């Protein structure tokens, strides 16, 4: 009987500890969000420092992206035997959105280690470092999106009514960026060899994801490309801009990844949040 009482007490203690950790994690997320003035200022400062002394500043990103797309576009249009008027807009949107997603993942690995001095010096919510990273990448995306109207008007591409869903799609991508930054940020803080592994993985994924080729190019394996979560994330933005219907599973895949990734990462963050300062030492 006493063993049963002890087991019940231990389970109660464990449950209480898990609940306490979850509340602290929620408080961290909320406190960080309420200090938006801080992470917005830090994100803008990151951009300014990166391009300090440059005449064009972040517009260099837009120019370099445009040059890369222009040089790749005509070459790959020839390789895939596609009409450049259709292929170049397809590649443009795909590359810009891929760069945004890849940036969230690779930079997400440095979420906490890159802010190690701040983590130890100032008692700030850890979520601030994540919001700062996301905002910085959204600013870069906003600069690169300037290419869209130029290319679309040049090749007379007319978006369809589904463009009204793009704000929702971007919100979902940002939410995914948040949990990815938390997850990879914590793992990379604990295991320092993770960032180069992730960077290599992202490079490999780029070549197997329908970014610069359509799923149809895979022939009878086209459904494999459509089930790729990275393609789905790009498709919910690219398809309406191109005036095309969404792939059959894109929204379902993105929604599932968003919900499962957010819940899973929250549990990990709640469990290991207190260890972050030790890991970034």
C-alpha atoms as a PDB file:
ATOM      1  CA  UNK A   1       0.000   0.000   0.000  1.00  0.00           C
ATOM      2  CA  UNK A   2       2.794   2.377   0.886  1.00  0.00           C
ATOM      3  CA  UNK A   3       4.500   1.722  -2.466  1.00  0.00           C
ATOM      4  CA  UNK A   4       1.285   2.687  -4.254  1.00  0.00           C
ATOM      5  CA  UNK A   5       1.055   5.921  -2.286  1.00  0.00           C
ATOM      6  CA  UNK A   6       4.687   6.739  -3.060  1.00  0.00           C
ATOM      7  CA  UNK A   7       4.200   6.051  -6.779  1.00  0.00           C
ATOM      8  CA  UNK A   8       1.090   8.237  -6.843  1.00  0.00           C
ATOM      9  CA  UNK A   9       2.941  11.019  -5.060  1.00  0.00           C
ATOM     10  CA  UNK A  10       5.877  10.799  -7.479  1.00  0.00           C
ATOM     11  CA  UNK A  11       3.580  10.925 -10.486  1.00  0.00           C
ATOM     12  CA  UNK A  12       1.829  13.917  -8.973  1.00  0.00           C
ATOM     13  CA  UNK A  13       5.170  15.660  -8.427  1.00  0.00           C
ATOM     14  CA  UNK A  14       6.252  14.907 -11.995  1.00  0.00           C
ATOM     15  CA  UNK A  15       2.956  16.181 -13.402  1.00  0.00           C
ATOM     16  CA  UNK A  16       3.184  19.331 -11.286  1.00  0.00           C
ATOM     17  CA  UNK A  17       6.758  19.967 -12.446  1.00  0.00           C
ATOM     18  CA  UNK A  18       5.802  19.517 -16.105  1.00  0.00           C
ATOM     19  CA  UNK A  19       2.861  21.904 -15.680  1.00  0.00           C
ATOM     20  CA  UNK A  20       5.116  24.472 -14.008  1.00  0.00           C
ATOM     21  CA  UNK A  21       7.638  24.214 -16.839  1.00  0.00           C
ATOM     22  CA  UNK A  22       4.883  24.667 -19.417  1.00  0.00           C
ATOM     23  CA  UNK A  23       3.622  27.806 -17.676  1.00  0.00           C
ATOM     24  CA  UNK A  24       7.142  29.248 -17.575  1.00  0.00           C
ATOM     25  CA  UNK A  25       7.566  28.492 -21.288  1.00  0.00           C
ATOM     26  CA  UNK A  26       4.237  30.185 -22.093  1.00  0.00           C
ATOM     27  CA  UNK A  27       5.246  33.172 -19.981  1.00  0.00           C
ATOM     28  CA  UNK A  28       8.544  33.370 -21.879  1.00  0.00           C
ATOM     29  CA  UNK A  29       6.711  33.431 -25.212  1.00  0.00           C
ATOM     30  CA  UNK A  30       4.272  36.084 -23.992  1.00  0.00           C
ATOM     31  CA  UNK A  31       6.873  38.288 -22.310  1.00  0.00           C
ATOM     32  CA  UNK A  32       9.029  38.182 -25.414  1.00  0.00           C
ATOM     33  CA  UNK A  33       6.104  39.089 -27.678  1.00  0.00           C
ATOM     34  CA  UNK A  34       5.151  42.055 -25.482  1.00  0.00           C
ATOM     35  CA  UNK A  35       8.671  43.455 -25.897  1.00  0.00           C
ATOM     36  CA  UNK A  36       8.224  43.813 -29.632  1.00  0.00           C
ATOM     37  CA  UNK A  37       9.925  47.219 -29.543  1.00  0.00           C
ATOM     38  CA  UNK A  38      13.126  45.427 -28.495  1.00  0.00           C
ATOM     39  CA  UNK A  39      13.292  42.613 -31.020  1.00  0.00           C
ATOM     40  CA  UNK A  40      12.150  44.897 -33.843  1.00  0.00           C
ATOM     41  CA  UNK A  41      14.954  47.332 -32.993  1.00  0.00           C
ATOM     42  CA  UNK A  42      17.496  44.516 -32.726  1.00  0.00           C
ATOM     43  CA  UNK A  43      16.439  43.061 -36.076  1.00  0.00           C
ATOM     44  CA  UNK A  44      16.774  46.431 -37.799  1.00  0.00           C
ATOM     45  CA  UNK A  45      20.149  46.897 -36.164  1.00  0.00           C
ATOM     46  CA  UNK A  46      21.284  43.496 -37.484  1.00  0.00           C
ATOM     47  CA  UNK A  47      20.411  44.574 -41.017  1.00  0.00           C
ATOM     48  CA  UNK A  48      22.143  47.951 -40.627  1.00  0.00           C
ATOM     49  CA  UNK A  49      25.317  46.422 -39.204  1.00  0.00           C
ATOM     50  CA  UNK A  50      25.469  43.781 -41.914  1.00  0.00           C
ATOM     51  CA  UNK A  51      25.376  46.427 -44.662  1.00  0.00           C
ATOM     52  CA  UNK A  52      27.151  49.258 -42.878  1.00  0.00           C
ATOM     53  CA  UNK A  53      29.140  51.306 -45.368  1.00  0.00           C
ATOM     54  CA  UNK A  54      27.209  49.902 -48.322  1.00  0.00           C
ATOM     55  CA  UNK A  55      25.595  52.366 -50.732  1.00  0.00           C
ATOM     56  CA  UNK A  56      22.587  50.162 -51.512  1.00  0.00           C
ATOM     57  CA  UNK A  57      22.329  48.373 -48.179  1.00  0.00           C
ATOM     58  CA  UNK A  58      19.941  45.384 -48.148  1.00  0.00           C
ATOM     59  CA  UNK A  59      19.033  46.056 -51.780  1.00  0.00           C
ATOM     60  CA  UNK A  60      22.243  44.206 -52.613  1.00  0.00           C
ATOM     61  CA  UNK A  61      20.313  41.078 -51.610  1.00  0.00           C
ATOM     62  CA  UNK A  62      17.614  41.920 -54.113  1.00  0.00           C
ATOM     63  CA  UNK A  63      20.138  42.626 -56.865  1.00  0.00           C
ATOM     64  CA  UNK A  64      22.169  39.474 -56.240  1.00  0.00           C
ATOM     65  CA  UNK A  65      19.008  37.358 -56.107  1.00  0.00           C
ATOM     66  CA  UNK A  66      17.797  38.911 -59.361  1.00  0.00           C
ATOM     67  CA  UNK A  67      21.144  38.237 -61.077  1.00  0.00           C
ATOM     68  CA  UNK A  68      21.167  34.625 -59.907  1.00  0.00           C
ATOM     69  CA  UNK A  69      17.599  34.043 -61.058  1.00  0.00           C
ATOM     70  CA  UNK A  70      18.281  35.690 -64.410  1.00  0.00           C
ATOM     71  CA  UNK A  71      21.397  33.618 -65.035  1.00  0.00           C
ATOM     72  CA  UNK A  72      19.755  30.356 -63.934  1.00  0.00           C
ATOM     73  CA  UNK A  73      16.401  31.027 -65.559  1.00  0.00           C
ATOM     74  CA  UNK A  74      17.301  30.907 -69.246  1.00  0.00           C
ATOM     75  CA  UNK A  75      19.758  28.039 -68.731  1.00  0.00           C
ATOM     76  CA  UNK A  76      17.342  25.791 -66.867  1.00  0.00           C
ATOM     77  CA  UNK A  77      14.461  26.762 -69.144  1.00  0.00           C
ATOM     78  CA  UNK A  78      16.561  25.325 -71.972  1.00  0.00           C
ATOM     79  CA  UNK A  79      17.488  22.224 -69.965  1.00  0.00           C
ATOM     80  CA  UNK A  80      13.859  21.504 -69.005  1.00  0.00           C
ATOM     81  CA  UNK A  81      12.618  22.521 -72.457  1.00  0.00           C
ATOM     82  CA  UNK A  82      10.317  25.129 -70.919  1.00  0.00           C
ATOM     83  CA  UNK A  83       9.074  28.482 -72.129  1.00  0.00           C
ATOM     84  CA  UNK A  84      11.231  31.166 -70.387  1.00  0.00           C
ATOM     85  CA  UNK A  85       8.137  33.393 -70.103  1.00  0.00           C
ATOM     86  CA  UNK A  86       6.593  30.771 -67.814  1.00  0.00           C
ATOM     87  CA  UNK A  87       9.713  29.313 -66.240  1.00  0.00           C
ATOM     88  CA  UNK A  88      11.389  32.540 -65.095  1.00  0.00           C
ATOM     89  CA  UNK A  89       8.452  33.722 -62.934  1.00  0.00           C
ATOM     90  CA  UNK A  90       8.154  30.165 -61.552  1.00  0.00           C
ATOM     91  CA  UNK A  91      11.855  30.132 -60.657  1.00  0.00           C
ATOM     92  CA  UNK A  92      11.762  33.670 -59.254  1.00  0.00           C
ATOM     93  CA  UNK A  93       9.029  33.005 -56.709  1.00  0.00           C
ATOM     94  CA  UNK A  94      10.468  29.593 -55.880  1.00  0.00           C
ATOM     95  CA  UNK A  95      13.996  30.878 -55.241  1.00  0.00           C
ATOM     96  CA  UNK A  96      12.893  33.843 -53.144  1.00  0.00           C
ATOM     97  CA  UNK A  97      10.680  31.673 -50.950  1.00  0.00           C
ATOM     98  CA  UNK A  98      13.349  28.961 -50.706  1.00  0.00           C
ATOM     99  CA  UNK A  99      15.940  31.508 -49.580  1.00  0.00           C
ATOM    100  CA  UNK A 100      13.518  32.677 -46.900  1.00  0.00           C
ATOM    101  CA  UNK A 101      12.822  29.149 -45.632  1.00  0.00           C
ATOM    102  CA  UNK A 102      16.465  28.066 -45.813  1.00  0.00           C
ATOM    103  CA  UNK A 103      17.522  31.225 -43.976  1.00  0.00           C
ATOM    104  CA  UNK A 104      15.100  30.501 -41.145  1.00  0.00           C
ATOM    105  CA  UNK A 105      16.514  27.001 -40.755  1.00  0.00           C
ATOM    106  CA  UNK A 106      20.255  27.696 -41.049  1.00  0.00           C
ATOM    107  CA  UNK A 107      20.200  30.908 -39.026  1.00  0.00           C
ATOM    108  CA  UNK A 108      17.862  29.251 -36.560  1.00  0.00           C
ATOM    109  CA  UNK A 109      20.745  27.017 -35.506  1.00  0.00           C
ATOM    110  CA  UNK A 110      22.509  30.109 -34.135  1.00  0.00           C
ATOM    111  CA  UNK A 111      19.468  31.487 -32.301  1.00  0.00           C
ATOM    112  CA  UNK A 112      20.923  31.111 -28.816  1.00  0.00           C
ATOM    113  CA  UNK A 113      24.631  30.540 -29.398  1.00  0.00           C
ATOM    114  CA  UNK A 114      24.779  33.701 -31.502  1.00  0.00           C
ATOM    115  CA  UNK A 115      23.244  35.637 -28.622  1.00  0.00           C
ATOM    116  CA  UNK A 116      25.284  33.910 -25.922  1.00  0.00           C
ATOM    117  CA  UNK A 117      26.651  37.129 -24.438  1.00  0.00           C
ATOM    118  CA  UNK A 118      23.166  38.606 -24.138  1.00  0.00           C
ATOM    119  CA  UNK A 119      21.764  35.398 -22.642  1.00  0.00           C
ATOM    120  CA  UNK A 120      24.313  35.570 -19.830  1.00  0.00           C
ATOM    121  CA  UNK A 121      24.361  39.335 -19.339  1.00  0.00           C
ATOM    122  CA  UNK A 122      20.672  40.312 -19.466  1.00  0.00           C
ATOM    123  CA  UNK A 123      17.701  38.355 -18.036  1.00  0.00           C
ATOM    124  CA  UNK A 124      15.537  38.529 -21.155  1.00  0.00           C
ATOM    125  CA  UNK A 125      12.936  36.027 -22.375  1.00  0.00           C
ATOM    126  CA  UNK A 126      14.588  33.539 -24.715  1.00  0.00           C
ATOM    127  CA  UNK A 127      11.801  34.052 -27.214  1.00  0.00           C
ATOM    128  CA  UNK A 128      13.140  37.540 -27.939  1.00  0.00           C
ATOM    129  CA  UNK A 129      16.119  36.010 -29.727  1.00  0.00           C
ATOM    130  CA  UNK A 130      13.779  33.922 -31.870  1.00  0.00           C
ATOM    131  CA  UNK A 131      11.492  36.854 -32.723  1.00  0.00           C
ATOM    132  CA  UNK A 132      14.567  38.905 -33.591  1.00  0.00           C
ATOM    133  CA  UNK A 133      15.782  36.243 -36.021  1.00  0.00           C
ATOM    134  CA  UNK A 134      12.370  35.842 -37.639  1.00  0.00           C
ATOM    135  CA  UNK A 135      11.955  39.607 -38.057  1.00  0.00           C
ATOM    136  CA  UNK A 136      15.382  39.919 -39.624  1.00  0.00           C
ATOM    137  CA  UNK A 137      14.538  37.267 -42.210  1.00  0.00           C
ATOM    138  CA  UNK A 138      11.122  38.818 -42.905  1.00  0.00           C
ATOM    139  CA  UNK A 139      12.870  42.129 -43.633  1.00  0.00           C
ATOM    140  CA  UNK A 140      15.170  40.350 -46.094  1.00  0.00           C
ATOM    141  CA  UNK A 141      12.153  38.650 -47.686  1.00  0.00           C
ATOM    142  CA  UNK A 142      10.422  42.027 -48.055  1.00  0.00           C
ATOM    143  CA  UNK A 143      13.431  43.314 -50.009  1.00  0.00           C
ATOM    144  CA  UNK A 144      13.561  40.258 -52.271  1.00  0.00           C
ATOM    145  CA  UNK A 145       9.816  40.358 -52.953  1.00  0.00           C
ATOM    146  CA  UNK A 146      10.462  43.588 -54.866  1.00  0.00           C
ATOM    147  CA  UNK A 147      11.567  41.331 -57.721  1.00  0.00           C
ATOM    148  CA  UNK A 148       8.083  39.831 -58.076  1.00  0.00           C
ATOM    149  CA  UNK A 149       6.191  42.740 -59.705  1.00  0.00           C
ATOM    150  CA  UNK A 150       9.069  43.337 -62.119  1.00  0.00           C
ATOM    151  CA  UNK A 151       9.190  39.735 -63.331  1.00  0.00           C
ATOM    152  CA  UNK A 152       5.421  39.241 -63.328  1.00  0.00           C
ATOM    153  CA  UNK A 153       4.778  42.387 -65.334  1.00  0.00           C
ATOM    154  CA  UNK A 154       7.658  41.639 -67.713  1.00  0.00           C
ATOM    155  CA  UNK A 155       6.275  38.196 -68.578  1.00  0.00           C
ATOM    156  CA  UNK A 156       2.588  39.164 -68.200  1.00  0.00           C
ATOM    157  CA  UNK A 157       1.801  36.634 -65.473  1.00  0.00           C
ATOM    158  CA  UNK A 158      -1.629  37.197 -63.924  1.00  0.00           C
ATOM    159  CA  UNK A 159      -2.192  35.894 -60.365  1.00  0.00           C
ATOM    160  CA  UNK A 160      -5.504  34.290 -59.502  1.00  0.00           C
ATOM    161  CA  UNK A 161      -7.956  35.002 -56.692  1.00  0.00           C
ATOM    162  CA  UNK A 162      -6.077  32.679 -54.331  1.00  0.00           C
ATOM    163  CA  UNK A 163      -3.496  35.429 -53.763  1.00  0.00           C
ATOM    164  CA  UNK A 164      -5.839  36.528 -50.967  1.00  0.00           C
ATOM    165  CA  UNK A 165      -4.602  33.471 -49.060  1.00  0.00           C
ATOM    166  CA  UNK A 166      -0.944  34.491 -49.282  1.00  0.00           C
ATOM    167  CA  UNK A 167      -1.002  36.488 -45.993  1.00  0.00           C
ATOM    168  CA  UNK A 168      -2.277  33.355 -44.237  1.00  0.00           C
ATOM    169  CA  UNK A 169       0.424  31.303 -45.957  1.00  0.00           C
ATOM    170  CA  UNK A 170       3.126  33.725 -44.798  1.00  0.00           C
ATOM    171  CA  UNK A 171       1.821  33.625 -41.222  1.00  0.00           C
ATOM    172  CA  UNK A 172       2.054  29.829 -41.292  1.00  0.00           C
ATOM    173  CA  UNK A 173       5.606  29.990 -42.646  1.00  0.00           C
ATOM    174  CA  UNK A 174       6.572  32.447 -39.908  1.00  0.00           C
ATOM    175  CA  UNK A 175       5.065  30.194 -37.226  1.00  0.00           C
ATOM    176  CA  UNK A 176       7.092  27.310 -38.642  1.00  0.00           C
ATOM    177  CA  UNK A 177      10.150  29.541 -38.562  1.00  0.00           C
ATOM    178  CA  UNK A 178       9.520  30.208 -34.873  1.00  0.00           C
ATOM    179  CA  UNK A 179       9.415  26.576 -33.823  1.00  0.00           C
ATOM    180  CA  UNK A 180      12.311  25.655 -36.108  1.00  0.00           C
ATOM    181  CA  UNK A 181      14.426  28.419 -34.557  1.00  0.00           C
ATOM    182  CA  UNK A 182      13.569  27.269 -31.055  1.00  0.00           C
ATOM    183  CA  UNK A 183      14.214  23.609 -31.843  1.00  0.00           C
ATOM    184  CA  UNK A 184      17.412  23.931 -33.871  1.00  0.00           C
ATOM    185  CA  UNK A 185      18.608  26.735 -31.618  1.00  0.00           C
ATOM    186  CA  UNK A 186      18.409  24.504 -28.561  1.00  0.00           C
ATOM    187  CA  UNK A 187      19.838  21.423 -30.271  1.00  0.00           C
ATOM    188  CA  UNK A 188      22.709  23.453 -31.741  1.00  0.00           C
ATOM    189  CA  UNK A 189      23.448  25.026 -28.367  1.00  0.00           C
ATOM    190  CA  UNK A 190      23.739  21.546 -26.870  1.00  0.00           C
ATOM    191  CA  UNK A 191      25.570  19.923 -29.793  1.00  0.00           C
ATOM    192  CA  UNK A 192      27.822  22.371 -31.631  1.00  0.00           C
ATOM    193  CA  UNK A 193      28.346  20.151 -34.680  1.00  0.00           C
ATOM    194  CA  UNK A 194      24.649  20.409 -35.614  1.00  0.00           C
ATOM    195  CA  UNK A 195      24.773  23.748 -37.584  1.00  0.00           C
ATOM    196  CA  UNK A 196      27.149  22.494 -40.334  1.00  0.00           C
ATOM    197  CA  UNK A 197      25.145  19.260 -40.558  1.00  0.00           C
ATOM    198  CA  UNK A 198      21.919  21.226 -40.967  1.00  0.00           C
ATOM    199  CA  UNK A 199      23.528  23.518 -43.568  1.00  0.00           C
ATOM    200  CA  UNK A 200      24.628  20.487 -45.603  1.00  0.00           C
ATOM    201  CA  UNK A 201      21.189  18.929 -45.243  1.00  0.00           C
ATOM    202  CA  UNK A 202      19.498  22.107 -46.493  1.00  0.00           C
ATOM    203  CA  UNK A 203      21.756  22.129 -49.571  1.00  0.00           C
ATOM    204  CA  UNK A 204      20.839  18.543 -50.387  1.00  0.00           C
ATOM    205  CA  UNK A 205      17.124  19.208 -49.852  1.00  0.00           C
ATOM    206  CA  UNK A 206      17.287  22.130 -52.283  1.00  0.00           C
ATOM    207  CA  UNK A 207      18.231  19.835 -55.161  1.00  0.00           C
ATOM    208  CA  UNK A 208      15.500  17.284 -54.435  1.00  0.00           C
ATOM    209  CA  UNK A 209      12.749  19.833 -53.828  1.00  0.00           C
ATOM    210  CA  UNK A 210      10.689  21.199 -56.753  1.00  0.00           C
ATOM    211  CA  UNK A 211      12.119  24.696 -56.481  1.00  0.00           C
ATOM    212  CA  UNK A 212      13.693  25.064 -59.922  1.00  0.00           C
ATOM    213  CA  UNK A 213      11.766  22.172 -61.477  1.00  0.00           C
ATOM    214  CA  UNK A 214       8.096  21.247 -61.341  1.00  0.00           C
ATOM    215  CA  UNK A 215       6.810  18.064 -59.682  1.00  0.00           C
ATOM    216  CA  UNK A 216       5.633  17.034 -63.139  1.00  0.00           C
ATOM    217  CA  UNK A 217       9.281  16.689 -64.186  1.00  0.00           C
ATOM    218  CA  UNK A 218       9.447  13.635 -61.898  1.00  0.00           C
ATOM    219  CA  UNK A 219       7.006  11.760 -64.108  1.00  0.00           C
ATOM    220  CA  UNK A 220       5.192   8.979 -62.258  1.00  0.00           C
ATOM    221  CA  UNK A 221       6.998  10.063 -59.079  1.00  0.00           C
ATOM    222  CA  UNK A 222       5.411  13.514 -59.191  1.00  0.00           C
ATOM    223  CA  UNK A 223       3.386  12.761 -56.045  1.00  0.00           C
ATOM    224  CA  UNK A 224       6.669  12.379 -54.105  1.00  0.00           C
ATOM    225  CA  UNK A 225       7.597  15.958 -54.954  1.00  0.00           C
ATOM    226  CA  UNK A 226       4.134  17.155 -53.944  1.00  0.00           C
ATOM    227  CA  UNK A 227       4.458  15.443 -50.553  1.00  0.00           C
ATOM    228  CA  UNK A 228       7.719  17.240 -49.839  1.00  0.00           C
ATOM    229  CA  UNK A 229       6.974  19.712 -46.982  1.00  0.00           C
ATOM    230  CA  UNK A 230       9.420  22.231 -48.435  1.00  0.00           C
ATOM    231  CA  UNK A 231       7.606  22.172 -51.771  1.00  0.00           C
ATOM    232  CA  UNK A 232       4.275  22.548 -49.966  1.00  0.00           C
ATOM    233  CA  UNK A 233       5.589  25.612 -48.115  1.00  0.00           C
ATOM    234  CA  UNK A 234       6.634  27.194 -51.400  1.00  0.00           C
ATOM    235  CA  UNK A 235       3.544  26.096 -53.323  1.00  0.00           C
ATOM    236  CA  UNK A 236       1.028  27.863 -51.066  1.00  0.00           C
ATOM    237  CA  UNK A 237       2.714  31.127 -52.064  1.00  0.00           C
ATOM    238  CA  UNK A 238       3.908  30.397 -55.588  1.00  0.00           C
ATOM    239  CA  UNK A 239       0.810  28.753 -57.086  1.00  0.00           C
ATOM    240  CA  UNK A 240      -1.585  31.722 -56.739  1.00  0.00           C
ATOM    241  CA  UNK A 241       1.092  34.179 -57.871  1.00  0.00           C
ATOM    242  CA  UNK A 242       1.578  32.065 -60.985  1.00  0.00           C
ATOM    243  CA  UNK A 243      -2.197  31.897 -61.505  1.00  0.00           C
ATOM    244  CA  UNK A 244      -2.183  28.134 -60.927  1.00  0.00           C
ATOM    245  CA  UNK A 245      -4.154  25.871 -58.557  1.00  0.00           C
ATOM    246  CA  UNK A 246      -2.506  24.616 -55.388  1.00  0.00           C
ATOM    247  CA  UNK A 247      -1.021  21.119 -55.393  1.00  0.00           C
ATOM    248  CA  UNK A 248      -3.503  18.673 -53.824  1.00  0.00           C
ATOM    249  CA  UNK A 249      -1.824  18.285 -50.434  1.00  0.00           C
ATOM    250  CA  UNK A 250       0.084  21.543 -49.947  1.00  0.00           C
ATOM    251  CA  UNK A 251      -2.188  23.223 -47.403  1.00  0.00           C
ATOM    252  CA  UNK A 252      -2.798  19.997 -45.483  1.00  0.00           C
ATOM    253  CA  UNK A 253       0.926  19.296 -45.228  1.00  0.00           C
ATOM    254  CA  UNK A 254       1.790  22.827 -44.109  1.00  0.00           C
ATOM    255  CA  UNK A 255      -0.985  22.864 -41.515  1.00  0.00           C
ATOM    256  CA  UNK A 256       0.043  19.453 -40.126  1.00  0.00           C
ATOM    257  CA  UNK A 257       3.722  20.418 -39.947  1.00  0.00           C
ATOM    258  CA  UNK A 258       2.807  23.717 -38.272  1.00  0.00           C
ATOM    259  CA  UNK A 259       0.628  22.136 -35.581  1.00  0.00           C
ATOM    260  CA  UNK A 260       2.805  19.099 -34.850  1.00  0.00           C
ATOM    261  CA  UNK A 261       6.065  21.046 -35.007  1.00  0.00           C
ATOM    262  CA  UNK A 262       4.768  23.813 -32.756  1.00  0.00           C
ATOM    263  CA  UNK A 263       3.380  21.432 -30.127  1.00  0.00           C
ATOM    264  CA  UNK A 264       6.432  19.181 -30.141  1.00  0.00           C
ATOM    265  CA  UNK A 265       8.880  22.059 -29.939  1.00  0.00           C
ATOM    266  CA  UNK A 266       6.911  23.728 -27.151  1.00  0.00           C
ATOM    267  CA  UNK A 267       7.245  20.570 -25.067  1.00  0.00           C
ATOM    268  CA  UNK A 268      10.974  20.443 -25.756  1.00  0.00           C
ATOM    269  CA  UNK A 269      11.359  24.145 -24.925  1.00  0.00           C
ATOM    270  CA  UNK A 270       9.398  23.764 -21.703  1.00  0.00           C
ATOM    271  CA  UNK A 271      11.516  20.772 -20.694  1.00  0.00           C
ATOM    272  CA  UNK A 272      14.968  22.189 -21.505  1.00  0.00           C
ATOM    273  CA  UNK A 273      14.429  25.948 -21.271  1.00  0.00           C
ATOM    274  CA  UNK A 274      16.343  26.224 -17.994  1.00  0.00           C
ATOM    275  CA  UNK A 275      19.409  24.577 -19.526  1.00  0.00           C
ATOM    276  CA  UNK A 276      19.910  27.071 -22.357  1.00  0.00           C
ATOM    277  CA  UNK A 277      22.265  29.365 -20.363  1.00  0.00           C
ATOM    278  CA  UNK A 278      24.511  26.397 -19.565  1.00  0.00           C
ATOM    279  CA  UNK A 279      24.529  25.164 -23.139  1.00  0.00           C
ATOM    280  CA  UNK A 280      25.559  28.529 -24.618  1.00  0.00           C
ATOM    281  CA  UNK A 281      28.440  28.943 -22.152  1.00  0.00           C
END
